[in-house]
């Protein structure tokens, strides 16, 4: 006696239909994985850009503070020196003894 092939749902639709459904599932999963990788890449890129912009802003603030400090120092020197016709120089140029403090 020859065993009979059971007629289930997969054979009623035909084997090619079952293979096509499996292929669609695999392709859908592959596309979801690809999209996930792209999303993770874009998120990491945006976080790097955010860090870079924060660092650039901090550098700009530091430069602005340094420029302000130089302007304040020049203003203080001009206040201490008096009118603009006076000349300031180091004490060693006058030929007298001076106490140097070296670091």
C-alpha atoms as a PDB file:
ATOM      1  CA  UNK A   1       0.000   0.000   0.000  1.00  0.00           C
ATOM      2  CA  UNK A   2       1.299   3.446  -0.914  1.00  0.00           C
ATOM      3  CA  UNK A   3       1.041   6.060   1.829  1.00  0.00           C
ATOM      4  CA  UNK A   4      -1.170   8.921   0.858  1.00  0.00           C
ATOM      5  CA  UNK A   5      -0.058  12.533   1.157  1.00  0.00           C
ATOM      6  CA  UNK A   6      -2.260  14.387   3.599  1.00  0.00           C
ATOM      7  CA  UNK A   7      -4.079  17.260   2.063  1.00  0.00           C
ATOM      8  CA  UNK A   8      -3.560  20.160   4.412  1.00  0.00           C
ATOM      9  CA  UNK A   9      -3.779  23.867   3.899  1.00  0.00           C
ATOM     10  CA  UNK A  10      -0.233  24.232   2.576  1.00  0.00           C
ATOM     11  CA  UNK A  11      -0.821  21.759  -0.214  1.00  0.00           C
ATOM     12  CA  UNK A  12      -4.240  23.110  -1.065  1.00  0.00           C
ATOM     13  CA  UNK A  13      -2.701  26.474  -2.007  1.00  0.00           C
ATOM     14  CA  UNK A  14       0.278  24.898  -3.671  1.00  0.00           C
ATOM     15  CA  UNK A  15       3.945  24.815  -2.606  1.00  0.00           C
ATOM     16  CA  UNK A  16       4.914  27.902  -4.621  1.00  0.00           C
ATOM     17  CA  UNK A  17       2.409  30.047  -2.699  1.00  0.00           C
ATOM     18  CA  UNK A  18       3.930  28.895   0.613  1.00  0.00           C
ATOM     19  CA  UNK A  19       7.447  29.752  -0.570  1.00  0.00           C
ATOM     20  CA  UNK A  20       6.352  33.217  -1.688  1.00  0.00           C
ATOM     21  CA  UNK A  21       4.832  33.920   1.734  1.00  0.00           C
ATOM     22  CA  UNK A  22       8.075  32.857   3.422  1.00  0.00           C
ATOM     23  CA  UNK A  23      10.114  35.047   1.083  1.00  0.00           C
ATOM     24  CA  UNK A  24       7.912  38.045   1.891  1.00  0.00           C
ATOM     25  CA  UNK A  25       8.412  37.472   5.611  1.00  0.00           C
ATOM     26  CA  UNK A  26      12.187  37.277   5.232  1.00  0.00           C
ATOM     27  CA  UNK A  27      12.304  40.407   3.069  1.00  0.00           C
ATOM     28  CA  UNK A  28      10.108  42.312   5.541  1.00  0.00           C
ATOM     29  CA  UNK A  29      12.401  41.358   8.414  1.00  0.00           C
ATOM     30  CA  UNK A  30      15.481  42.324   6.421  1.00  0.00           C
ATOM     31  CA  UNK A  31      13.996  45.747   5.621  1.00  0.00           C
ATOM     32  CA  UNK A  32      13.091  46.299   9.278  1.00  0.00           C
ATOM     33  CA  UNK A  33      16.664  45.457  10.315  1.00  0.00           C
ATOM     34  CA  UNK A  34      18.059  47.784   7.640  1.00  0.00           C
ATOM     35  CA  UNK A  35      15.810  50.624   8.795  1.00  0.00           C
ATOM     36  CA  UNK A  36      16.826  50.006  12.413  1.00  0.00           C
ATOM     37  CA  UNK A  37      20.509  50.252  11.497  1.00  0.00           C
ATOM     38  CA  UNK A  38      19.880  53.490   9.589  1.00  0.00           C
ATOM     39  CA  UNK A  39      17.963  54.974  12.542  1.00  0.00           C
ATOM     40  CA  UNK A  40      20.738  54.080  15.005  1.00  0.00           C
ATOM     41  CA  UNK A  41      23.328  55.596  12.661  1.00  0.00           C
ATOM     42  CA  UNK A  42      21.387  58.830  12.315  1.00  0.00           C
ATOM     43  CA  UNK A  43      20.881  59.081  16.077  1.00  0.00           C
ATOM     44  CA  UNK A  44      24.592  58.667  16.733  1.00  0.00           C
ATOM     45  CA  UNK A  45      25.376  61.244  14.043  1.00  0.00           C
ATOM     46  CA  UNK A  46      22.990  63.764  15.582  1.00  0.00           C
ATOM     47  CA  UNK A  47      24.428  63.225  19.077  1.00  0.00           C
ATOM     48  CA  UNK A  48      27.939  63.856  17.729  1.00  0.00           C
ATOM     49  CA  UNK A  49      26.748  67.023  16.000  1.00  0.00           C
ATOM     50  CA  UNK A  50      25.074  68.180  19.212  1.00  0.00           C
ATOM     51  CA  UNK A  51      28.276  67.642  21.209  1.00  0.00           C
ATOM     52  CA  UNK A  52      30.309  69.475  18.583  1.00  0.00           C
ATOM     53  CA  UNK A  53      27.976  72.463  18.593  1.00  0.00           C
ATOM     54  CA  UNK A  54      28.069  72.616  22.408  1.00  0.00           C
ATOM     55  CA  UNK A  55      31.872  72.530  22.323  1.00  0.00           C
ATOM     56  CA  UNK A  56      31.989  75.243  19.654  1.00  0.00           C
ATOM     57  CA  UNK A  57      29.699  77.404  21.777  1.00  0.00           C
ATOM     58  CA  UNK A  58      31.951  76.910  24.813  1.00  0.00           C
ATOM     59  CA  UNK A  59      35.009  77.923  22.768  1.00  0.00           C
ATOM     60  CA  UNK A  60      33.193  81.069  21.601  1.00  0.00           C
ATOM     61  CA  UNK A  61      32.292  81.991  25.183  1.00  0.00           C
ATOM     62  CA  UNK A  62      35.903  81.439  26.300  1.00  0.00           C
ATOM     63  CA  UNK A  63      37.220  83.669  23.506  1.00  0.00           C
ATOM     64  CA  UNK A  64      34.706  86.388  24.348  1.00  0.00           C
ATOM     65  CA  UNK A  65      35.746  86.227  28.020  1.00  0.00           C
ATOM     66  CA  UNK A  66      39.432  86.459  27.082  1.00  0.00           C
ATOM     67  CA  UNK A  67      38.772  89.462  24.840  1.00  0.00           C
ATOM     68  CA  UNK A  68      36.842  91.172  27.640  1.00  0.00           C
ATOM     69  CA  UNK A  69      39.670  90.483  30.106  1.00  0.00           C
ATOM     70  CA  UNK A  70      42.237  92.048  27.737  1.00  0.00           C
ATOM     71  CA  UNK A  71      40.063  95.118  27.259  1.00  0.00           C
ATOM     72  CA  UNK A  72      39.606  95.485  31.020  1.00  0.00           C
ATOM     73  CA  UNK A  73      43.356  95.112  31.593  1.00  0.00           C
ATOM     74  CA  UNK A  74      44.153  97.756  28.962  1.00  0.00           C
ATOM     75  CA  UNK A  75      41.574 100.050  30.529  1.00  0.00           C
ATOM     76  CA  UNK A  76      43.111  99.560  33.976  1.00  0.00           C
ATOM     77  CA  UNK A  77      46.604 100.263  32.602  1.00  0.00           C
ATOM     78  CA  UNK A  78      45.374 103.443  30.965  1.00  0.00           C
ATOM     79  CA  UNK A  79      43.743 104.504  34.225  1.00  0.00           C
ATOM     80  CA  UNK A  80      46.925 103.875  36.217  1.00  0.00           C
ATOM     81  CA  UNK A  81      49.206 105.567  33.663  1.00  0.00           C
ATOM     82  CA  UNK A  82      47.159 108.734  33.519  1.00  0.00           C
ATOM     83  CA  UNK A  83      46.916 110.885  30.430  1.00  0.00           C
ATOM     84  CA  UNK A  84      47.942 109.564  27.025  1.00  0.00           C
ATOM     85  CA  UNK A  85      51.149 111.631  26.802  1.00  0.00           C
ATOM     86  CA  UNK A  86      52.869 109.590  29.521  1.00  0.00           C
ATOM     87  CA  UNK A  87      55.089 106.633  28.673  1.00  0.00           C
ATOM     88  CA  UNK A  88      55.252 103.461  30.710  1.00  0.00           C
ATOM     89  CA  UNK A  89      58.214 101.077  30.724  1.00  0.00           C
ATOM     90  CA  UNK A  90      59.821  98.445  32.886  1.00  0.00           C
ATOM     91  CA  UNK A  91      61.986  99.677  35.763  1.00  0.00           C
ATOM     92  CA  UNK A  92      65.132  97.985  34.460  1.00  0.00           C
ATOM     93  CA  UNK A  93      65.241 100.396  31.497  1.00  0.00           C
ATOM     94  CA  UNK A  94      65.840 103.315  33.833  1.00  0.00           C
ATOM     95  CA  UNK A  95      69.140 101.803  34.957  1.00  0.00           C
ATOM     96  CA  UNK A  96      68.144 101.575  38.597  1.00  0.00           C
ATOM     97  CA  UNK A  97      67.928  98.397  40.617  1.00  0.00           C
ATOM     98  CA  UNK A  98      64.685  96.531  40.513  1.00  0.00           C
ATOM     99  CA  UNK A  99      63.360  93.545  42.309  1.00  0.00           C
ATOM    100  CA  UNK A 100      62.456  90.897  39.816  1.00  0.00           C
ATOM    101  CA  UNK A 101      60.108  88.176  40.730  1.00  0.00           C
ATOM    102  CA  UNK A 102      60.571  85.192  38.500  1.00  0.00           C
ATOM    103  CA  UNK A 103      58.243  82.313  38.281  1.00  0.00           C
END
